[in-house]
Amino acid sequence: MDGDALAAARKRVLAGGAEKYHAANAAKGKLFARERITLLVDEGTFVEDGLYANSLADGLPADGVITGSARIDGRDVCVMANDSTVKAGSWGARTVEKIVRIIERAYRESVPMVYLVDSAGARITDQVDLFPGRRGAGKIFHTQVRASGSIPQVCALFGPSAAGGAYIPAFCDVVAMVEGNASMYLGSDRMVEMVTGEKTTLEAMGGARVHCTESGVGHFLCKTEREALDVVRTYLSYLPANWTQQPPVASAADPGKGDLAALVPASERQAFDMRRYVKALVDENSYFEIHALWARELTVGFARLNGEVVGVVGNNSMFKGGVLFVDSADKAARFVQLCDAFNVPLLFLSDVPGFMVGTAVEKQGIIRHGAKMITAISEATVPKICVVVRKAYGAGLYAMAGPGFDPEATIALPTAKIAVMGAEAAVNAVYANKIAAIEDPEERAAFVAERRAEYERDIDIMRLASELVVDTVVEPADLRAELVRRFSAARGKDRAFSRRRHGVTPV
């Protein structure tokens, strides 16, 4: 092949599929796969592998997937991007091999792996070549699982991620989905109707909003593709390249705006937004919330304290009173594992009434899911600090890394309460019959008030400090400085946990 022929072949491959497919994507607000890469990575750093994969076939440039290495903000990464102008980004045998190779390379070189997904799934006509073998599609997922916790894996989903291909996002640390175009589903709407008789749509069954608000498989609901690419870039900015390194340090910054004391109402019955509290506590504009639209009774995300990365887990009474449900337990467990994998210290901000009770949640397995959350917190060996902002009742104290779970410290604010349950519930539990027997309303109210006062004295925070239940009591204005000092002191802690290969997760 002479130079002209090679240049022509290269031009054809770089152009992707037919122009009509480019036009159809553009009409949906979708960018060309190569443009997505250009927008994401540092200029001139992308080095492509497998450009001529399946080049002898007609109409399959690069076999529908672009893979290679690049840099994002000066740091090495590996990238794969489905080209939906080539047979809707579907997988052939060479597609699978290229995806497996780039994940293997990311794992081998210990650099983050970025997935830009837009694929209709496997080509049924090629199933024997791509599906069942040792280097078949299953090897993609095996390799992702092997890399999980070793290197960051982040996915931006721009279109469908169908059938088995839906597991690529599922095995990533986080998934950013573009509303209106992105979807994940194991079976199409036609297949669902054929198998189950249910009539549905792809959007109703597996659209971006469904996964970011109901299933929890999606983490970020994005309006545009550029926003999704920004999520990828920002996410990686909080994490090291791999599990052996520490998170990148930024310049110290002032705290966000807000009076920590004024943000917390005195009454337990009055809700407040823990996200506002977090933003006032950490470095200004540094809180990067994850799973913001799912299980909102718990807020989780990365932030910086004096330039150092921390992972935040906080109860949010604005939603369901901050009570822990099945989904919020799963949300916490996964985020804690993510932070522990990549050496991100954990800050727990507690305002929790406990786990939800009742027939519905028991049938959903609240005990099992709660145990999963508590397991993740127990196994996390990064520095952990528990701050009781307002209350920590029942097993909620355990779930928020309370004293029994080896935190570096349990810190209480002056108004904090730690107990098996709140005063009102406790008095009712112990004295229900006696209260019911008092006929005079004033006498009944006086009796209840007296019992409440006794209970409040029993759980007074200074008494708990004197009994070493909490390590210190600090004023809200002093909390940030206290956390900075304590996380700094814990930086070199021993990360050993248990003599074993791994535990048995209560899933």
Protein backbone atom coordinates (compact mmCIF):
# COMPACT_ATOMS: atom_id res chain seq x y z
CA MET A 1 0.00 0.00 0.00
CA ASP A 2 1.43 3.37 -0.98
CA GLY A 3 1.21 6.55 1.05
CA ASP A 4 -1.80 7.92 -0.78
CA ALA A 5 -3.79 4.72 -0.27
CA LEU A 6 -2.88 4.66 3.42
CA ALA A 7 -3.92 8.29 3.84
CA ALA A 8 -7.23 7.58 2.11
CA ALA A 9 -7.85 4.54 4.32
CA ARG A 10 -7.06 6.56 7.43
CA LYS A 11 -9.40 9.34 6.35
CA ARG A 12 -12.23 6.86 5.83
CA VAL A 13 -11.76 5.35 9.26
CA LEU A 14 -11.53 8.69 11.04
CA ALA A 15 -14.77 9.81 9.40
CA GLY A 16 -16.76 7.04 11.08
CA GLY A 17 -20.05 5.86 9.60
CA ALA A 18 -22.14 7.26 6.79
CA GLU A 19 -23.08 10.94 6.80
CA LYS A 20 -26.76 10.16 7.37
CA TYR A 21 -25.89 8.63 10.74
CA HIS A 22 -23.86 11.69 11.71
CA ALA A 23 -26.82 13.88 10.75
CA ALA A 24 -29.26 11.74 12.75
CA ASN A 25 -27.04 11.99 15.84
CA ALA A 26 -26.61 15.74 15.44
CA ALA A 27 -30.41 16.13 15.32
CA LYS A 28 -30.54 14.49 18.77
CA GLY A 29 -27.83 16.76 20.16
CA LYS A 30 -25.26 13.99 20.04
CA LEU A 31 -21.59 14.56 19.23
CA PHE A 32 -19.37 12.33 17.12
CA ALA A 33 -17.38 9.90 19.30
CA ARG A 34 -14.06 11.41 18.23
CA GLU A 35 -15.32 14.88 19.10
CA ARG A 36 -16.24 13.66 22.57
CA ILE A 37 -12.68 12.46 23.08
CA THR A 38 -11.27 15.75 21.81
CA LEU A 39 -13.42 17.72 24.23
CA LEU A 40 -12.51 15.50 27.17
CA VAL A 41 -8.75 15.05 26.94
CA ASP A 42 -5.84 17.48 26.88
CA GLU A 43 -5.20 18.80 23.40
CA GLY A 44 -2.93 16.64 21.25
CA THR A 45 -2.50 13.86 23.82
CA PHE A 46 -4.77 11.14 22.43
CA VAL A 47 -2.89 8.16 20.98
CA GLU A 48 -5.19 5.66 19.28
CA ASP A 49 -4.84 1.87 19.22
CA GLY A 50 -6.54 -0.48 16.76
CA LEU A 51 -7.48 2.23 14.29
CA TYR A 52 -7.67 -0.27 11.43
CA ALA A 53 -9.56 -3.00 13.29
CA ASN A 54 -11.72 -4.96 10.85
CA SER A 55 -10.53 -2.64 8.08
CA LEU A 56 -11.16 -5.25 5.39
CA ALA A 57 -14.86 -5.31 6.19
CA ASP A 58 -17.20 -2.89 4.47
CA GLY A 59 -18.73 -0.12 6.57
CA LEU A 60 -17.05 -0.98 9.87
CA PRO A 61 -14.41 1.69 10.50
CA ALA A 62 -12.39 0.86 13.64
CA ASP A 63 -15.08 -1.82 14.17
CA GLY A 64 -17.25 0.77 15.87
CA VAL A 65 -15.09 1.59 18.88
CA ILE A 66 -12.23 4.02 19.47
CA THR A 67 -9.62 3.12 22.09
CA GLY A 68 -6.36 4.64 23.22
CA SER A 69 -4.46 6.63 25.84
CA ALA A 70 -4.48 10.35 26.62
CA ARG A 71 -4.14 12.85 29.42
CA ILE A 72 -6.80 14.71 31.37
CA ASP A 73 -5.52 17.73 33.28
CA GLY A 74 -2.00 16.45 32.72
CA ARG A 75 -2.68 12.96 34.13
CA ASP A 76 -2.56 9.75 32.10
CA VAL A 77 -5.81 7.91 31.35
CA CYS A 78 -7.10 5.23 29.00
CA VAL A 79 -10.24 5.84 26.95
CA MET A 80 -12.78 3.84 24.97
CA ALA A 81 -15.59 5.43 22.98
CA ASN A 82 -18.34 3.67 21.05
CA ASP A 83 -18.95 5.14 17.60
CA SER A 84 -22.72 5.09 17.17
CA THR A 85 -22.42 6.06 13.49
CA VAL A 86 -21.07 2.55 12.86
CA LYS A 87 -23.92 0.05 13.14
CA ALA A 88 -25.27 1.97 16.16
CA GLY A 89 -22.03 1.36 18.06
CA SER A 90 -22.72 -2.38 18.20
CA TRP A 91 -20.05 -4.90 19.16
CA GLY A 92 -18.26 -7.28 16.85
CA ALA A 93 -15.40 -9.60 17.74
CA ARG A 94 -12.74 -6.92 17.12
CA THR A 95 -14.78 -4.39 19.10
CA VAL A 96 -14.73 -6.67 22.11
CA GLU A 97 -11.02 -7.38 21.74
CA LYS A 98 -10.23 -3.66 21.59
CA ILE A 99 -12.29 -2.94 24.70
CA VAL A 100 -10.69 -5.80 26.63
CA ARG A 101 -7.21 -4.69 25.60
CA ILE A 102 -7.66 -1.07 26.66
CA ILE A 103 -9.03 -2.04 30.10
CA GLU A 104 -6.17 -4.49 30.53
CA ARG A 105 -3.76 -1.72 29.60
CA ALA A 106 -5.30 0.72 32.07
CA TYR A 107 -5.04 -1.90 34.81
CA ARG A 108 -1.49 -2.85 33.84
CA GLU A 109 -0.31 0.77 33.75
CA SER A 110 -2.38 1.72 36.83
CA VAL A 111 -4.18 4.67 35.25
CA PRO A 112 -7.90 5.60 35.26
CA MET A 113 -10.20 4.06 32.66
CA VAL A 114 -12.82 6.27 30.97
CA TYR A 115 -15.77 4.75 29.10
CA LEU A 116 -17.71 6.93 26.63
CA VAL A 117 -20.64 4.62 25.95
CA ASP A 118 -23.16 4.77 23.11
CA SER A 119 -23.86 1.22 21.94
CA ALA A 120 -26.77 -0.93 20.81
CA GLY A 121 -25.02 -4.02 22.17
CA ALA A 122 -23.76 -7.14 20.45
CA ARG A 123 -24.20 -7.82 16.76
CA ILE A 124 -26.35 -10.93 16.76
CA THR A 125 -24.93 -11.90 13.36
CA ASP A 126 -21.45 -12.12 14.97
CA GLN A 127 -22.48 -13.79 18.21
CA VAL A 128 -20.33 -16.91 17.88
CA ASP A 129 -17.23 -14.78 17.35
CA LEU A 130 -17.86 -12.27 20.13
CA PHE A 131 -20.01 -13.85 22.81
CA PRO A 132 -18.98 -17.18 24.31
CA GLY A 133 -15.18 -17.48 24.11
CA ARG A 134 -12.35 -16.79 26.54
CA ARG A 135 -11.79 -13.38 24.94
CA GLY A 136 -15.50 -12.82 24.34
CA ALA A 137 -17.75 -10.13 25.79
CA GLY A 138 -17.69 -11.70 29.23
CA LYS A 139 -13.98 -10.94 29.42
CA ILE A 140 -14.83 -7.21 29.38
CA PHE A 141 -16.76 -7.52 32.62
CA HIS A 142 -14.22 -9.87 34.21
CA THR A 143 -11.49 -7.33 33.46
CA GLN A 144 -13.57 -4.44 34.79
CA VAL A 145 -14.18 -6.30 38.05
CA ARG A 146 -10.49 -7.09 38.37
CA ALA A 147 -9.66 -3.41 37.87
CA SER A 148 -12.36 -2.20 40.25
CA GLY A 149 -10.86 -0.48 43.28
CA SER A 150 -7.42 -0.66 41.68
CA ILE A 151 -7.99 2.18 39.20
CA PRO A 152 -10.83 4.69 38.91
CA GLN A 153 -13.39 3.67 36.28
CA VAL A 154 -15.83 6.34 35.13
CA CYS A 155 -18.52 6.22 32.46
CA ALA A 156 -20.32 8.89 30.48
CA LEU A 157 -23.38 7.45 28.78
CA PHE A 158 -24.59 9.32 25.70
CA GLY A 159 -26.98 6.85 24.08
CA PRO A 160 -28.11 3.27 24.66
CA SER A 161 -26.17 0.70 26.63
CA ALA A 162 -28.14 -2.36 25.71
CA ALA A 163 -28.37 -5.96 26.88
CA GLY A 164 -25.02 -7.29 28.17
CA GLY A 165 -23.45 -3.95 27.26
CA ALA A 166 -25.43 -2.36 30.10
CA TYR A 167 -22.98 -3.95 32.49
CA ILE A 168 -20.08 -1.76 31.35
CA PRO A 169 -21.61 1.26 33.13
CA ALA A 170 -22.77 -0.91 36.01
CA PHE A 171 -19.20 -1.98 36.81
CA CYS A 172 -17.91 1.61 36.78
CA ASP A 173 -17.46 3.71 39.90
CA VAL A 174 -19.89 6.34 38.63
CA VAL A 175 -22.07 6.91 35.55
CA ALA A 176 -23.03 10.27 34.04
CA MET A 177 -26.14 9.99 31.85
CA VAL A 178 -27.40 12.49 29.28
CA GLU A 179 -31.13 13.00 29.72
CA GLY A 180 -33.21 12.25 26.65
CA ASN A 181 -30.59 10.13 24.89
CA ALA A 182 -28.88 7.86 27.43
CA SER A 183 -30.48 4.57 28.45
CA MET A 184 -29.56 1.26 30.05
CA TYR A 185 -31.62 -1.89 29.71
CA LEU A 186 -31.13 -5.65 29.57
CA GLY A 187 -33.97 -6.18 27.10
CA SER A 188 -35.57 -3.78 24.64
CA ASP A 189 -39.18 -2.71 24.98
CA ARG A 190 -40.09 -5.14 22.18
CA MET A 191 -38.33 -8.00 23.95
CA VAL A 192 -39.99 -7.14 27.26
CA GLU A 193 -43.44 -7.25 25.66
CA MET A 194 -42.66 -10.54 23.96
CA VAL A 195 -41.33 -12.20 27.13
CA THR A 196 -43.57 -10.70 29.83
CA GLY A 197 -46.48 -9.08 28.01
CA GLU A 198 -45.65 -5.70 29.55
CA LYS A 199 -45.96 -2.71 27.25
CA THR A 200 -43.37 -0.05 28.01
CA THR A 201 -40.86 2.28 26.39
CA LEU A 202 -37.07 2.43 26.58
CA GLU A 203 -37.29 5.80 28.35
CA ALA A 204 -39.79 4.59 30.95
CA MET A 205 -37.88 1.37 31.55
CA GLY A 206 -34.26 2.46 31.35
CA GLY A 207 -33.97 6.17 30.61
CA ALA A 208 -31.49 8.47 32.30
CA ARG A 209 -33.98 9.95 34.77
CA VAL A 210 -35.21 6.50 35.80
CA HIS A 211 -31.69 5.29 36.55
CA CYS A 212 -30.57 8.49 38.29
CA THR A 213 -33.67 8.83 40.50
CA GLU A 214 -35.11 5.33 40.95
CA SER A 215 -32.70 2.47 40.26
CA GLY A 216 -29.51 4.21 41.38
CA VAL A 217 -27.47 2.76 38.50
CA GLY A 218 -26.90 6.30 37.22
CA HIS A 219 -25.12 8.87 39.39
CA PHE A 220 -25.32 12.15 37.46
CA LEU A 221 -28.24 13.34 35.33
CA CYS A 222 -26.79 15.69 32.71
CA LYS A 223 -28.56 18.01 30.32
CA THR A 224 -25.85 17.94 27.64
CA GLU A 225 -22.95 15.81 26.51
CA ARG A 226 -20.49 18.56 27.45
CA GLU A 227 -21.89 18.52 30.98
CA ALA A 228 -21.35 14.75 31.16
CA LEU A 229 -17.75 15.17 30.00
CA ASP A 230 -17.25 17.83 32.69
CA VAL A 231 -18.50 15.33 35.27
CA VAL A 232 -15.86 12.82 34.14
CA ARG A 233 -13.12 15.43 34.39
CA THR A 234 -14.27 16.71 37.80
CA TYR A 235 -14.70 13.22 39.24
CA LEU A 236 -11.16 12.24 38.32
CA SER A 237 -9.79 15.47 39.85
CA TYR A 238 -10.65 14.18 43.33
CA LEU A 239 -9.02 10.76 42.93
CA PRO A 240 -5.51 9.39 42.60
CA ALA A 241 -4.48 7.53 39.45
CA ASN A 242 -4.68 4.22 41.33
CA TRP A 243 -5.11 2.60 44.72
CA THR A 244 -1.44 2.97 45.72
CA GLN A 245 -1.45 6.76 45.49
CA GLN A 246 -2.99 9.53 47.56
CA PRO A 247 -5.71 11.88 46.25
CA PRO A 248 -4.38 15.06 44.62
CA VAL A 249 -4.00 18.04 46.94
CA ALA A 250 -5.26 21.47 45.91
CA SER A 251 -4.45 24.90 47.30
CA ALA A 252 -6.13 25.62 50.61
CA ALA A 253 -9.29 27.69 50.32
CA ASP A 254 -11.67 29.51 52.62
CA PRO A 255 -14.81 27.69 53.77
CA GLY A 256 -18.08 28.13 51.96
CA LYS A 257 -20.67 30.66 53.04
CA GLY A 258 -22.99 29.93 55.95
CA ASP A 259 -23.15 29.99 59.75
CA LEU A 260 -22.83 26.39 60.96
CA ALA A 261 -24.64 27.15 64.21
CA ALA A 262 -27.54 28.96 62.54
CA LEU A 263 -28.00 26.28 59.88
CA VAL A 264 -29.04 23.61 62.44
CA PRO A 265 -32.48 24.16 64.02
CA ALA A 266 -32.75 23.51 67.75
CA SER A 267 -35.88 21.39 67.31
CA GLU A 268 -35.37 17.85 66.08
CA ARG A 269 -38.70 18.11 64.30
CA GLN A 270 -37.51 20.93 62.05
CA ALA A 271 -35.71 19.72 58.93
CA PHE A 272 -32.60 21.34 57.50
CA ASP A 273 -30.57 20.75 54.36
CA MET A 274 -27.35 18.93 55.19
CA ARG A 275 -25.97 19.88 51.77
CA ARG A 276 -25.93 23.53 52.81
CA TYR A 277 -24.16 22.53 56.02
CA VAL A 278 -21.52 20.59 54.09
CA LYS A 279 -20.92 23.47 51.70
CA ALA A 280 -20.42 25.89 54.61
CA LEU A 281 -18.01 23.49 56.34
CA VAL A 282 -15.69 22.49 53.49
CA ASP A 283 -13.58 24.56 51.10
CA GLU A 284 -15.72 26.92 49.06
CA ASN A 285 -17.26 25.38 45.91
CA SER A 286 -15.53 22.07 46.55
CA TYR A 287 -18.50 19.82 47.35
CA PHE A 288 -19.05 17.43 44.45
CA GLU A 289 -22.22 15.52 45.25
CA ILE A 290 -22.66 12.00 43.88
CA HIS A 291 -26.05 10.29 43.48
CA ALA A 292 -27.72 13.64 44.19
CA LEU A 293 -31.15 12.57 42.91
CA TRP A 294 -31.34 9.06 44.40
CA ALA A 295 -32.00 8.15 48.05
CA ARG A 296 -31.89 11.84 48.93
CA GLU A 297 -32.24 11.23 52.66
CA LEU A 298 -28.47 10.72 52.51
CA THR A 299 -26.00 13.02 50.78
CA VAL A 300 -22.61 11.69 49.67
CA GLY A 301 -19.80 13.23 47.69
CA PHE A 302 -16.23 14.46 47.55
CA ALA A 303 -15.06 17.75 49.05
CA ARG A 304 -11.87 19.43 50.19
CA LEU A 305 -10.85 20.51 53.67
CA ASN A 306 -7.92 22.91 53.55
CA GLY A 307 -7.15 21.54 50.08
CA GLU A 308 -7.23 17.86 51.11
CA VAL A 309 -9.85 15.51 49.61
CA VAL A 310 -12.44 13.96 51.93
CA GLY A 311 -15.51 11.85 51.30
CA VAL A 312 -18.66 13.14 52.97
CA VAL A 313 -21.59 11.02 54.18
CA GLY A 314 -24.39 13.08 55.71
CA ASN A 315 -28.00 12.49 56.74
CA ASN A 316 -30.41 14.97 55.15
CA SER A 317 -33.58 15.53 57.15
CA MET A 318 -35.07 17.52 54.23
CA PHE A 319 -35.94 14.14 52.71
CA LYS A 320 -37.80 11.44 54.64
CA GLY A 321 -36.55 12.98 57.87
CA GLY A 322 -33.05 11.66 57.23
CA VAL A 323 -34.17 8.12 58.08
CA LEU A 324 -32.06 5.38 56.47
CA PHE A 325 -33.91 3.24 53.92
CA VAL A 326 -32.83 0.32 51.73
CA ASP A 327 -31.57 2.56 48.93
CA SER A 328 -29.74 5.01 51.18
CA ALA A 329 -27.99 2.11 52.93
CA ASP A 330 -26.80 0.85 49.53
CA LYS A 331 -25.80 4.36 48.50
CA ALA A 332 -23.67 4.78 51.60
CA ALA A 333 -22.09 1.34 51.37
CA ARG A 334 -20.95 1.85 47.80
CA PHE A 335 -19.58 5.34 48.41
CA VAL A 336 -17.69 4.24 51.52
CA GLN A 337 -16.11 1.39 49.55
CA LEU A 338 -15.16 3.81 46.78
CA CYS A 339 -13.43 6.17 49.22
CA ASP A 340 -11.66 3.35 51.02
CA ALA A 341 -10.40 1.91 47.73
CA PHE A 342 -8.77 5.19 46.70
CA ASN A 343 -7.47 6.42 50.06
CA VAL A 344 -10.05 9.16 50.57
CA PRO A 345 -10.68 9.89 54.29
CA LEU A 346 -14.31 9.79 55.36
CA LEU A 347 -16.31 12.43 57.21
CA PHE A 348 -19.68 11.34 58.62
CA LEU A 349 -22.14 14.09 59.54
CA SER A 350 -24.88 12.54 61.61
CA ASP A 351 -28.45 13.71 62.01
CA VAL A 352 -30.13 10.34 61.87
CA PRO A 353 -33.26 8.99 63.58
CA GLY A 354 -32.18 5.44 62.67
CA PHE A 355 -33.21 2.87 60.08
CA MET A 356 -36.77 2.78 58.79
CA VAL A 357 -39.15 0.26 60.34
CA GLY A 358 -42.33 -1.36 59.07
CA THR A 359 -43.65 -4.19 56.95
CA ALA A 360 -42.66 -2.69 53.60
CA VAL A 361 -38.99 -2.16 54.41
CA GLU A 362 -38.66 -5.46 56.24
CA LYS A 363 -39.87 -7.23 53.10
CA GLN A 364 -37.34 -5.23 51.08
CA GLY A 365 -34.57 -6.49 53.35
CA ILE A 366 -33.77 -3.40 55.43
CA ILE A 367 -31.78 -5.55 57.87
CA ARG A 368 -29.72 -7.03 55.05
CA HIS A 369 -29.08 -3.67 53.42
CA GLY A 370 -28.32 -2.01 56.75
CA ALA A 371 -25.85 -4.78 57.49
CA LYS A 372 -24.21 -4.11 54.11
CA MET A 373 -23.76 -0.43 55.01
CA ILE A 374 -22.35 -1.25 58.43
CA THR A 375 -20.04 -3.85 56.87
CA ALA A 376 -18.63 -1.28 54.45
CA ILE A 377 -18.02 1.19 57.27
CA SER A 378 -16.41 -1.49 59.45
CA GLU A 379 -14.09 -2.59 56.64
CA ALA A 380 -13.08 0.93 55.64
CA THR A 381 -9.55 1.53 56.92
CA VAL A 382 -9.10 5.12 55.76
CA PRO A 383 -9.26 7.76 58.49
CA LYS A 384 -12.89 8.17 59.60
CA ILE A 385 -14.39 10.91 61.74
CA CYS A 386 -17.96 10.88 63.01
CA VAL A 387 -19.54 14.24 63.82
CA VAL A 388 -22.89 14.17 65.60
CA VAL A 389 -24.39 17.35 64.22
CA ARG A 390 -27.79 17.01 65.87
CA LYS A 391 -28.71 13.40 66.67
CA ALA A 392 -27.62 9.80 66.25
CA TYR A 393 -30.28 7.36 67.39
CA GLY A 394 -30.28 3.58 67.48
CA ALA A 395 -28.39 1.71 64.79
CA GLY A 396 -28.12 5.03 62.98
CA LEU A 397 -25.15 5.77 65.26
CA TYR A 398 -23.50 2.58 64.05
CA ALA A 399 -24.27 3.30 60.42
CA MET A 400 -22.61 6.72 60.72
CA ALA A 401 -19.30 5.30 61.97
CA GLY A 402 -20.02 5.81 65.65
CA PRO A 403 -17.62 5.02 68.50
CA GLY A 404 -17.78 1.23 68.07
CA PHE A 405 -16.45 1.37 64.51
CA ASP A 406 -12.91 2.62 65.11
CA PRO A 407 -13.30 6.20 63.94
CA GLU A 408 -10.33 8.46 64.55
CA ALA A 409 -12.75 10.49 66.66
CA THR A 410 -16.40 10.92 67.51
CA ILE A 411 -17.03 14.64 67.74
CA ALA A 412 -20.23 16.14 69.11
CA LEU A 413 -21.64 19.62 68.80
CA PRO A 414 -23.09 21.07 72.04
CA THR A 415 -26.65 20.30 70.94
CA ALA A 416 -25.90 16.71 69.88
CA LYS A 417 -27.93 13.79 71.18
CA ILE A 418 -26.89 10.14 71.19
CA ALA A 419 -29.40 7.55 72.37
CA VAL A 420 -31.19 4.34 71.55
CA MET A 421 -34.14 6.50 70.49
CA GLY A 422 -35.49 10.03 70.85
CA ALA A 423 -37.01 11.21 74.13
CA GLU A 424 -40.60 11.17 72.91
CA ALA A 425 -40.37 7.60 71.58
CA ALA A 426 -38.50 6.41 74.66
CA VAL A 427 -41.02 7.82 77.13
CA ASN A 428 -43.87 6.31 75.15
CA ALA A 429 -42.11 2.93 74.95
CA VAL A 430 -41.50 2.73 78.70
CA TYR A 431 -44.57 4.48 80.13
CA ALA A 432 -47.29 3.94 77.52
CA ASN A 433 -49.68 2.14 79.86
CA LYS A 434 -49.12 4.57 82.73
CA ILE A 435 -49.62 7.58 80.44
CA ALA A 436 -52.86 6.07 79.12
CA ALA A 437 -54.12 5.52 82.68
CA ILE A 438 -53.80 9.21 83.67
CA GLU A 439 -57.19 10.74 82.92
CA ASP A 440 -56.46 14.41 83.68
CA PRO A 441 -54.85 16.00 80.58
CA GLU A 442 -52.73 18.47 82.58
CA GLU A 443 -51.48 15.76 84.92
CA ARG A 444 -50.72 13.54 81.93
CA ALA A 445 -48.76 16.30 80.19
CA ALA A 446 -46.80 17.08 83.35
CA PHE A 447 -45.92 13.41 83.80
CA VAL A 448 -44.70 13.12 80.21
CA ALA A 449 -42.68 16.34 80.49
CA GLU A 450 -41.01 15.13 83.68
CA ARG A 451 -40.10 11.78 82.15
CA ARG A 452 -38.74 13.55 79.04
CA ALA A 453 -36.56 15.79 81.21
CA GLU A 454 -35.21 12.73 83.05
CA TYR A 455 -34.38 11.09 79.72
CA GLU A 456 -32.70 14.22 78.36
CA ARG A 457 -30.51 14.42 81.50
CA ASP A 458 -29.57 10.78 81.07
CA ILE A 459 -28.26 11.37 77.54
CA ASP A 460 -26.74 14.82 78.15
CA ILE A 461 -23.80 15.23 75.79
CA MET A 462 -21.39 16.27 78.55
CA ARG A 463 -22.25 13.13 80.45
CA LEU A 464 -21.44 11.11 77.32
CA ALA A 465 -18.17 13.00 76.97
CA SER A 466 -17.31 12.25 80.59
CA GLU A 467 -17.96 8.56 79.89
CA LEU A 468 -15.68 8.77 76.78
CA VAL A 469 -18.54 7.96 74.42
CA VAL A 470 -17.54 11.05 72.44
CA ASP A 471 -13.97 12.25 72.19
CA THR A 472 -14.70 15.95 72.31
CA VAL A 473 -17.47 18.50 72.18
CA VAL A 474 -16.78 21.53 69.98
CA GLU A 475 -18.60 24.68 69.04
CA PRO A 476 -19.83 24.79 65.43
CA ALA A 477 -17.43 27.66 64.64
CA ASP A 478 -14.49 25.47 65.69
CA LEU A 479 -15.53 22.31 63.88
CA ARG A 480 -13.69 22.91 60.61
CA ALA A 481 -10.35 23.59 62.29
CA GLU A 482 -10.84 20.55 64.51
CA LEU A 483 -11.44 18.32 61.49
CA VAL A 484 -8.43 19.68 59.61
CA ARG A 485 -6.15 18.94 62.58
CA ARG A 486 -7.54 15.47 63.21
CA PHE A 487 -7.45 14.34 59.57
CA SER A 488 -3.88 15.62 59.33
CA ALA A 489 -2.87 13.66 62.41
CA ALA A 490 -4.48 10.47 61.05
CA ARG A 491 -2.79 10.61 57.65
CA GLY A 492 -0.27 7.88 58.42
CA LYS A 493 -2.62 5.44 60.17
CA ASP A 494 -2.18 1.66 59.93
CA ARG A 495 -4.60 0.36 57.26
CA ALA A 496 -4.63 -3.29 58.41
CA PHE A 497 -8.08 -4.66 59.27
CA SER A 498 -8.50 -8.44 59.45
CA ARG A 499 -6.68 -11.74 58.90
CA ARG A 500 -8.58 -13.08 55.88
CA ARG A 501 -9.00 -12.96 52.11
CA HIS A 502 -12.32 -11.11 52.20
CA GLY A 503 -15.52 -11.08 54.21
CA VAL A 504 -18.91 -12.39 53.22
CA THR A 505 -20.94 -9.31 52.28
CA PRO A 506 -24.55 -9.43 53.49
CA VAL A 507 -26.09 -8.78 50.07
